[in-house]
């Protein structure tokens, strides 16, 4: 009745993943960004000036190296007045860097895909985290990263 198909993804991809919390995530993430050569996708529903101040130097270096940076977030108007202003100002800076900024209504995903080889996913808002207790999983797998790009339907925006 049901036909089982062999998955193109190996269980080893998930078995070799690593977990990070709010204290260990950013050092590891920034280390991955230093190695980024072609493409960075970040999905984060919130953007704050404080967090972006710490990330902008790295994003600027990536942009200058020709890395295609895609940010998917909520429209600033979906936030309260304080967050709306911070998001609006930061989006302008990101666009001036040459980043592609996309808006998704009701957005709540938190993930990053680096060079279609490394995926970070979990509960931490990458572009706004401040002091909450969070979890992020790092998976090094080109096949799973590509699967995620297709799943979140960003292929048409990231194809170069």
N, C-alpha and C. Protein backbone atom coordinates (compact mmCIF):
# COMPACT_ATOMS: atom_id res chain seq x y z
N UNK A 1 0.81 -1.18 0.00
CA UNK A 1 0.00 0.00 0.00
C UNK A 1 0.87 1.26 0.00
N UNK A 2 1.74 1.39 0.97
CA UNK A 2 2.64 2.54 1.02
C UNK A 2 4.01 2.11 0.53
N UNK A 3 4.58 2.94 -0.26
CA UNK A 3 5.90 2.64 -0.81
C UNK A 3 6.93 3.51 -0.10
N UNK A 4 7.90 2.91 0.53
CA UNK A 4 8.96 3.66 1.18
C UNK A 4 10.01 4.04 0.15
N UNK A 5 10.40 5.31 0.19
CA UNK A 5 11.45 5.77 -0.70
C UNK A 5 12.71 6.00 0.10
N UNK A 6 13.82 5.69 -0.50
CA UNK A 6 15.09 5.96 0.15
C UNK A 6 15.36 7.46 0.10
N UNK A 7 15.66 8.03 1.23
CA UNK A 7 15.94 9.47 1.31
C UNK A 7 17.32 9.76 0.74
N UNK A 8 17.47 10.89 0.04
CA UNK A 8 18.80 11.27 -0.46
C UNK A 8 19.69 11.81 0.65
N UNK A 9 19.15 11.97 1.87
CA UNK A 9 19.89 12.53 2.99
C UNK A 9 20.29 11.41 3.93
N UNK A 10 21.48 11.50 4.44
CA UNK A 10 21.94 10.46 5.35
C UNK A 10 21.63 10.84 6.78
N UNK A 11 21.41 9.85 7.60
CA UNK A 11 21.16 10.13 9.02
C UNK A 11 22.41 10.68 9.69
N UNK A 12 23.56 10.40 9.11
CA UNK A 12 24.80 10.93 9.69
C UNK A 12 24.82 12.45 9.70
N UNK A 13 24.15 13.09 8.72
CA UNK A 13 24.11 14.55 8.67
C UNK A 13 23.53 15.11 9.96
N UNK A 14 22.45 14.53 10.44
CA UNK A 14 21.84 15.00 11.68
C UNK A 14 22.56 14.46 12.90
N UNK A 15 23.10 13.27 12.82
CA UNK A 15 23.79 12.70 13.97
C UNK A 15 25.07 13.45 14.31
N UNK A 16 25.65 14.10 13.31
CA UNK A 16 26.89 14.84 13.56
C UNK A 16 26.64 16.33 13.80
N UNK A 17 25.38 16.71 13.94
CA UNK A 17 25.09 18.12 14.21
C UNK A 17 25.49 18.45 15.65
N UNK A 18 25.60 19.76 15.93
CA UNK A 18 25.96 20.21 17.28
C UNK A 18 24.96 21.23 17.76
N UNK A 19 24.74 21.24 19.06
CA UNK A 19 23.83 22.18 19.69
C UNK A 19 24.58 23.31 20.37
N UNK A 20 23.99 24.50 20.31
CA UNK A 20 24.58 25.70 20.91
C UNK A 20 23.48 26.43 21.67
N UNK A 21 23.90 27.21 22.66
CA UNK A 21 22.94 28.05 23.37
C UNK A 21 23.28 29.51 23.10
N UNK A 22 22.58 30.40 23.78
CA UNK A 22 22.76 31.83 23.54
C UNK A 22 24.18 32.30 23.85
N UNK A 23 24.90 31.61 24.72
CA UNK A 23 26.27 32.01 25.06
C UNK A 23 27.29 31.50 24.06
N UNK A 24 27.02 30.35 23.45
CA UNK A 24 28.01 29.74 22.55
C UNK A 24 27.70 29.95 21.06
N UNK A 25 26.48 30.37 20.76
CA UNK A 25 26.09 30.50 19.36
C UNK A 25 26.92 31.53 18.58
N UNK A 26 26.95 32.77 19.04
CA UNK A 26 27.56 33.83 18.23
C UNK A 26 29.04 33.60 17.93
N UNK A 27 29.87 33.16 18.89
CA UNK A 27 31.27 32.89 18.52
C UNK A 27 31.39 31.83 17.41
N UNK A 28 30.60 30.77 17.50
CA UNK A 28 30.65 29.72 16.47
C UNK A 28 30.09 30.23 15.14
N UNK A 29 29.00 30.96 15.20
CA UNK A 29 28.37 31.50 13.99
C UNK A 29 29.31 32.48 13.29
N UNK A 30 29.92 33.38 14.05
CA UNK A 30 30.86 34.34 13.45
C UNK A 30 32.06 33.63 12.84
N UNK A 31 32.50 32.55 13.46
CA UNK A 31 33.60 31.77 12.89
C UNK A 31 33.18 31.17 11.54
N UNK A 32 31.96 30.66 11.46
CA UNK A 32 31.45 30.15 10.17
C UNK A 32 31.37 31.27 9.14
N UNK A 33 30.94 32.46 9.57
CA UNK A 33 30.82 33.58 8.62
C UNK A 33 32.18 33.99 8.07
N UNK A 34 33.22 33.88 8.86
CA UNK A 34 34.57 34.21 8.37
C UNK A 34 34.95 33.33 7.19
N UNK A 35 34.42 32.10 7.16
CA UNK A 35 34.74 31.14 6.10
C UNK A 35 33.78 31.24 4.91
N UNK A 36 32.73 32.03 5.02
CA UNK A 36 31.72 32.15 3.98
C UNK A 36 32.33 32.75 2.71
N UNK A 37 32.04 32.13 1.56
CA UNK A 37 32.66 32.60 0.31
C UNK A 37 31.66 33.05 -0.77
N UNK A 38 30.43 32.51 -0.75
CA UNK A 38 29.54 32.83 -1.85
C UNK A 38 28.17 33.35 -1.44
N UNK A 39 27.57 32.76 -0.40
CA UNK A 39 26.17 33.10 -0.11
C UNK A 39 25.86 32.94 1.37
N UNK A 40 25.10 33.89 1.88
CA UNK A 40 24.62 33.84 3.26
C UNK A 40 23.14 34.17 3.26
N UNK A 41 22.34 33.28 3.82
CA UNK A 41 20.91 33.51 3.98
C UNK A 41 20.64 33.55 5.47
N UNK A 42 19.97 34.61 5.93
CA UNK A 42 19.57 34.69 7.33
C UNK A 42 18.08 34.97 7.37
N UNK A 43 17.37 34.16 8.12
CA UNK A 43 15.96 34.41 8.38
C UNK A 43 15.82 34.71 9.86
N UNK A 44 15.35 35.90 10.16
CA UNK A 44 15.19 36.36 11.55
C UNK A 44 14.02 37.33 11.58
N UNK A 45 12.99 37.05 12.36
CA UNK A 45 11.81 37.91 12.33
C UNK A 45 12.04 39.31 12.91
N UNK A 46 12.99 39.43 13.81
CA UNK A 46 13.24 40.71 14.46
C UNK A 46 14.64 41.19 14.15
N UNK A 47 14.80 42.51 14.07
CA UNK A 47 16.11 43.14 13.86
C UNK A 47 16.22 44.27 14.87
N UNK A 48 17.30 44.25 15.66
CA UNK A 48 17.52 45.35 16.61
C UNK A 48 18.86 46.02 16.32
N UNK A 49 18.92 47.28 16.65
CA UNK A 49 20.15 48.06 16.44
C UNK A 49 21.31 47.49 17.24
N UNK A 50 21.04 47.09 18.47
CA UNK A 50 22.11 46.57 19.34
C UNK A 50 22.76 45.32 18.75
N UNK A 51 21.97 44.36 18.34
CA UNK A 51 22.54 43.13 17.78
C UNK A 51 23.20 43.41 16.44
N UNK A 52 22.59 44.24 15.63
CA UNK A 52 23.17 44.53 14.32
C UNK A 52 24.49 45.28 14.43
N UNK A 53 24.66 46.07 15.48
CA UNK A 53 25.95 46.75 15.68
C UNK A 53 27.08 45.74 15.81
N UNK A 54 26.78 44.59 16.41
CA UNK A 54 27.82 43.57 16.56
C UNK A 54 28.01 42.74 15.28
N UNK A 55 26.99 42.65 14.44
CA UNK A 55 27.07 41.84 13.22
C UNK A 55 27.48 42.62 11.98
N UNK A 56 27.22 43.92 11.95
CA UNK A 56 27.48 44.70 10.73
C UNK A 56 28.94 44.69 10.27
N UNK A 57 29.93 44.74 11.16
CA UNK A 57 31.30 44.66 10.64
C UNK A 57 31.56 43.37 9.84
N UNK A 58 31.05 42.25 10.33
CA UNK A 58 31.24 40.98 9.62
C UNK A 58 30.45 40.98 8.32
N UNK A 59 29.20 41.45 8.36
CA UNK A 59 28.39 41.50 7.13
C UNK A 59 29.01 42.44 6.10
N UNK A 60 29.60 43.52 6.56
CA UNK A 60 30.27 44.45 5.65
C UNK A 60 31.46 43.78 4.96
N UNK A 61 32.27 43.04 5.74
CA UNK A 61 33.41 42.33 5.15
C UNK A 61 32.93 41.31 4.12
N UNK A 62 31.87 40.59 4.45
CA UNK A 62 31.34 39.60 3.50
C UNK A 62 30.88 40.27 2.21
N UNK A 63 30.16 41.37 2.34
CA UNK A 63 29.67 42.09 1.18
C UNK A 63 30.83 42.57 0.31
N UNK A 64 31.86 43.10 0.93
CA UNK A 64 33.03 43.57 0.18
C UNK A 64 33.74 42.43 -0.54
N UNK A 65 33.63 41.23 0.00
CA UNK A 65 34.24 40.05 -0.64
C UNK A 65 33.35 39.47 -1.73
N UNK A 66 32.17 40.07 -1.93
CA UNK A 66 31.29 39.61 -3.00
C UNK A 66 30.31 38.51 -2.58
N UNK A 67 30.18 38.27 -1.28
CA UNK A 67 29.22 37.27 -0.81
C UNK A 67 27.81 37.82 -1.00
N UNK A 68 26.93 37.02 -1.57
CA UNK A 68 25.53 37.40 -1.77
C UNK A 68 24.81 37.18 -0.44
N UNK A 69 24.29 38.24 0.16
CA UNK A 69 23.64 38.17 1.47
C UNK A 69 22.15 38.42 1.29
N UNK A 70 21.36 37.45 1.78
CA UNK A 70 19.90 37.54 1.71
C UNK A 70 19.38 37.53 3.14
N UNK A 71 18.59 38.53 3.47
CA UNK A 71 17.96 38.62 4.79
C UNK A 71 16.45 38.51 4.57
N UNK A 72 15.82 37.57 5.26
CA UNK A 72 14.37 37.45 5.21
C UNK A 72 13.84 37.74 6.61
N UNK A 73 12.94 38.70 6.71
CA UNK A 73 12.45 39.16 8.00
C UNK A 73 11.00 39.61 7.88
N UNK A 74 10.45 40.12 8.95
CA UNK A 74 9.11 40.71 8.92
C UNK A 74 9.21 42.14 8.40
N UNK A 75 8.13 42.63 7.88
CA UNK A 75 8.05 44.06 7.54
C UNK A 75 8.20 44.85 8.83
N UNK A 76 8.96 45.92 8.81
CA UNK A 76 9.10 46.74 10.03
C UNK A 76 7.75 47.17 10.60
N UNK A 77 6.75 47.39 9.75
CA UNK A 77 5.44 47.83 10.21
C UNK A 77 4.72 46.77 11.05
N UNK A 78 5.20 45.53 11.05
CA UNK A 78 4.60 44.49 11.87
C UNK A 78 5.07 44.54 13.32
N UNK A 79 5.99 45.45 13.62
CA UNK A 79 6.54 45.58 14.97
C UNK A 79 5.93 46.77 15.69
N UNK A 80 6.14 46.82 17.02
CA UNK A 80 5.73 48.02 17.75
C UNK A 80 6.65 49.17 17.34
N UNK A 81 6.33 50.38 17.75
CA UNK A 81 7.02 51.59 17.26
C UNK A 81 8.52 51.54 17.45
N UNK A 82 9.01 51.11 18.61
CA UNK A 82 10.44 51.08 18.88
C UNK A 82 11.16 50.09 17.96
N UNK A 83 10.63 48.88 17.86
CA UNK A 83 11.26 47.89 16.99
C UNK A 83 11.08 48.24 15.52
N UNK A 84 9.99 48.88 15.18
CA UNK A 84 9.76 49.30 13.79
C UNK A 84 10.85 50.26 13.34
N UNK A 85 11.17 51.23 14.17
CA UNK A 85 12.21 52.21 13.83
C UNK A 85 13.57 51.53 13.69
N UNK A 86 13.92 50.66 14.65
CA UNK A 86 15.20 49.97 14.57
C UNK A 86 15.30 49.10 13.31
N UNK A 87 14.24 48.36 13.01
CA UNK A 87 14.25 47.51 11.83
C UNK A 87 14.35 48.33 10.55
N UNK A 88 13.59 49.42 10.48
CA UNK A 88 13.61 50.27 9.30
C UNK A 88 15.00 50.84 9.05
N UNK A 89 15.62 51.38 10.09
CA UNK A 89 16.96 51.96 9.94
C UNK A 89 17.99 50.90 9.55
N UNK A 90 17.89 49.74 10.14
CA UNK A 90 18.86 48.68 9.85
C UNK A 90 18.68 48.13 8.45
N UNK A 91 17.45 48.00 7.99
CA UNK A 91 17.20 47.52 6.64
C UNK A 91 17.84 48.46 5.62
N UNK A 92 17.76 49.75 5.85
CA UNK A 92 18.39 50.72 4.95
C UNK A 92 19.89 50.47 4.88
N UNK A 93 20.51 50.25 6.03
CA UNK A 93 21.96 49.99 6.08
C UNK A 93 22.28 48.70 5.33
N UNK A 94 21.49 47.65 5.57
CA UNK A 94 21.72 46.38 4.88
C UNK A 94 21.59 46.53 3.37
N UNK A 95 20.59 47.28 2.92
CA UNK A 95 20.42 47.50 1.48
C UNK A 95 21.58 48.32 0.91
N UNK A 96 22.09 49.26 1.67
CA UNK A 96 23.25 50.04 1.21
C UNK A 96 24.48 49.15 1.07
N UNK A 97 24.54 48.10 1.87
CA UNK A 97 25.65 47.13 1.76
C UNK A 97 25.49 46.23 0.53
N UNK A 98 24.32 46.26 -0.08
CA UNK A 98 24.05 45.39 -1.22
C UNK A 98 23.31 44.12 -0.86
N UNK A 99 22.84 44.02 0.37
CA UNK A 99 22.08 42.84 0.79
C UNK A 99 20.70 42.85 0.16
N UNK A 100 20.20 41.67 -0.15
CA UNK A 100 18.82 41.51 -0.59
C UNK A 100 17.98 41.33 0.67
N UNK A 101 17.00 42.20 0.88
CA UNK A 101 16.13 42.10 2.05
C UNK A 101 14.73 41.74 1.58
N UNK A 102 14.24 40.61 2.09
CA UNK A 102 12.91 40.12 1.75
C UNK A 102 12.02 40.22 2.98
N UNK A 103 10.74 40.41 2.75
CA UNK A 103 9.77 40.47 3.85
C UNK A 103 8.77 39.33 3.70
N UNK A 104 8.52 38.66 4.81
CA UNK A 104 7.52 37.60 4.86
C UNK A 104 6.53 37.96 5.97
N UNK A 105 5.27 38.06 5.62
CA UNK A 105 4.22 38.39 6.58
C UNK A 105 4.13 37.29 7.63
N UNK A 106 4.08 37.67 8.90
CA UNK A 106 3.96 36.70 9.97
C UNK A 106 5.20 35.85 10.17
N UNK A 107 6.32 36.30 9.66
CA UNK A 107 7.58 35.56 9.71
C UNK A 107 7.98 35.23 11.14
N UNK A 108 8.42 33.99 11.37
CA UNK A 108 8.91 33.62 12.70
C UNK A 108 10.05 32.60 12.65
N UNK A 109 10.56 32.29 11.46
CA UNK A 109 11.65 31.31 11.35
C UNK A 109 12.97 31.95 11.78
N UNK A 110 13.82 31.12 12.38
CA UNK A 110 15.15 31.57 12.79
C UNK A 110 16.16 30.57 12.23
N UNK A 111 16.89 31.00 11.21
CA UNK A 111 17.86 30.10 10.60
C UNK A 111 18.88 30.88 9.80
N UNK A 112 19.95 30.21 9.49
CA UNK A 112 20.97 30.75 8.59
C UNK A 112 21.50 29.60 7.74
N UNK A 113 21.80 29.91 6.49
CA UNK A 113 22.39 28.93 5.59
C UNK A 113 23.64 29.59 5.00
N UNK A 114 24.76 28.95 5.19
CA UNK A 114 26.04 29.49 4.77
C UNK A 114 26.60 28.64 3.63
N UNK A 115 26.79 29.28 2.48
CA UNK A 115 27.36 28.62 1.30
C UNK A 115 26.66 27.32 0.93
N UNK A 116 25.38 27.22 1.28
CA UNK A 116 24.59 26.01 1.01
C UNK A 116 25.29 24.76 1.53
N UNK A 117 26.04 24.92 2.60
CA UNK A 117 26.77 23.79 3.18
C UNK A 117 26.56 23.67 4.68
N UNK A 118 26.27 24.78 5.34
CA UNK A 118 26.08 24.80 6.79
C UNK A 118 24.73 25.43 7.08
N UNK A 119 23.94 24.76 7.90
CA UNK A 119 22.65 25.28 8.32
C UNK A 119 22.66 25.49 9.83
N UNK A 120 22.19 26.64 10.25
CA UNK A 120 21.92 26.93 11.65
C UNK A 120 20.41 27.09 11.78
N UNK A 121 19.79 26.38 12.72
CA UNK A 121 18.36 26.55 12.94
C UNK A 121 18.03 26.32 14.40
N UNK A 122 17.02 27.03 14.85
CA UNK A 122 16.62 26.89 16.25
C UNK A 122 15.69 28.01 16.66
N UNK A 123 15.82 28.44 17.91
CA UNK A 123 14.89 29.43 18.46
C UNK A 123 15.47 30.83 18.59
N UNK A 124 16.75 31.00 18.34
CA UNK A 124 17.41 32.28 18.55
C UNK A 124 17.22 33.22 17.36
N UNK A 125 16.72 34.41 17.61
CA UNK A 125 16.59 35.44 16.57
C UNK A 125 17.99 36.00 16.28
N UNK A 126 18.57 35.59 15.18
CA UNK A 126 19.97 35.90 14.88
C UNK A 126 20.23 37.41 14.81
N UNK A 127 19.30 38.18 14.28
CA UNK A 127 19.52 39.61 14.07
C UNK A 127 18.99 40.48 15.21
N UNK A 128 18.54 39.85 16.31
CA UNK A 128 18.01 40.67 17.41
C UNK A 128 18.26 40.12 18.80
N UNK A 129 18.80 38.93 18.92
CA UNK A 129 18.90 38.31 20.24
C UNK A 129 19.59 39.21 21.25
N UNK A 130 19.05 39.21 22.46
CA UNK A 130 19.64 40.01 23.53
C UNK A 130 19.96 39.17 24.75
N UNK A 131 18.94 38.68 25.45
CA UNK A 131 19.25 38.01 26.72
C UNK A 131 18.36 36.81 27.05
N UNK A 132 17.65 36.26 26.12
CA UNK A 132 16.78 35.12 26.42
C UNK A 132 17.54 33.80 26.28
N UNK A 133 17.00 32.77 26.87
CA UNK A 133 17.57 31.42 26.81
C UNK A 133 17.13 30.76 25.50
N UNK A 134 18.08 30.35 24.67
CA UNK A 134 17.76 29.85 23.33
C UNK A 134 18.58 28.61 22.99
N UNK A 135 18.24 28.02 21.86
CA UNK A 135 18.95 26.86 21.34
C UNK A 135 19.11 27.02 19.83
N UNK A 136 20.27 26.63 19.32
CA UNK A 136 20.52 26.61 17.88
C UNK A 136 21.27 25.31 17.56
N UNK A 137 20.92 24.73 16.42
CA UNK A 137 21.60 23.52 15.95
C UNK A 137 22.39 23.85 14.70
N UNK A 138 23.64 23.41 14.66
CA UNK A 138 24.50 23.58 13.49
C UNK A 138 24.61 22.25 12.78
N UNK A 139 24.25 22.25 11.50
CA UNK A 139 24.32 21.04 10.69
C UNK A 139 25.21 21.33 9.49
N UNK A 140 26.25 20.54 9.33
CA UNK A 140 27.11 20.70 8.17
C UNK A 140 26.73 19.64 7.16
N UNK A 141 25.95 20.06 6.16
CA UNK A 141 25.46 19.13 5.14
C UNK A 141 24.96 19.94 3.94
N UNK A 142 25.61 19.78 2.81
CA UNK A 142 25.17 20.48 1.61
C UNK A 142 23.78 20.02 1.20
N UNK A 143 23.49 18.73 1.32
CA UNK A 143 22.18 18.23 0.88
C UNK A 143 21.07 18.76 1.78
N UNK A 144 21.27 18.83 3.08
CA UNK A 144 20.24 19.36 3.97
C UNK A 144 20.09 20.87 3.82
N UNK A 145 21.19 21.57 3.58
CA UNK A 145 21.10 23.01 3.34
C UNK A 145 20.31 23.30 2.07
N UNK A 146 20.58 22.55 1.03
CA UNK A 146 19.85 22.73 -0.24
C UNK A 146 18.37 22.39 -0.05
N UNK A 147 18.08 21.33 0.71
CA UNK A 147 16.69 20.97 0.99
C UNK A 147 15.98 22.11 1.68
N UNK A 148 16.63 22.76 2.63
CA UNK A 148 16.02 23.86 3.37
C UNK A 148 15.76 25.06 2.47
N UNK A 149 16.69 25.39 1.59
CA UNK A 149 16.49 26.50 0.66
C UNK A 149 15.23 26.24 -0.17
N UNK A 150 15.05 25.02 -0.63
CA UNK A 150 13.85 24.68 -1.38
C UNK A 150 12.60 24.73 -0.53
N UNK A 151 12.69 24.24 0.69
CA UNK A 151 11.54 24.18 1.59
C UNK A 151 11.02 25.57 1.93
N UNK A 152 11.94 26.53 2.16
CA UNK A 152 11.51 27.88 2.52
C UNK A 152 11.24 28.74 1.28
N UNK A 153 11.37 28.12 0.12
CA UNK A 153 11.01 28.74 -1.17
C UNK A 153 11.79 30.03 -1.46
N UNK A 154 13.09 29.98 -1.19
CA UNK A 154 13.93 31.15 -1.48
C UNK A 154 14.76 30.96 -2.76
N UNK A 155 14.63 29.82 -3.41
CA UNK A 155 15.45 29.53 -4.58
C UNK A 155 15.40 30.64 -5.63
N UNK A 156 14.23 31.20 -5.88
CA UNK A 156 14.13 32.22 -6.93
C UNK A 156 14.82 33.52 -6.53
N UNK A 157 15.05 33.73 -5.25
CA UNK A 157 15.71 34.95 -4.79
C UNK A 157 17.22 34.78 -4.66
N UNK A 158 17.66 33.55 -4.49
CA UNK A 158 19.07 33.34 -4.26
C UNK A 158 19.81 32.85 -5.49
N UNK A 159 19.10 32.38 -6.49
CA UNK A 159 19.76 31.91 -7.70
C UNK A 159 20.48 33.08 -8.36
N UNK A 160 21.73 32.86 -8.68
CA UNK A 160 22.52 33.94 -9.28
C UNK A 160 22.86 33.62 -10.70
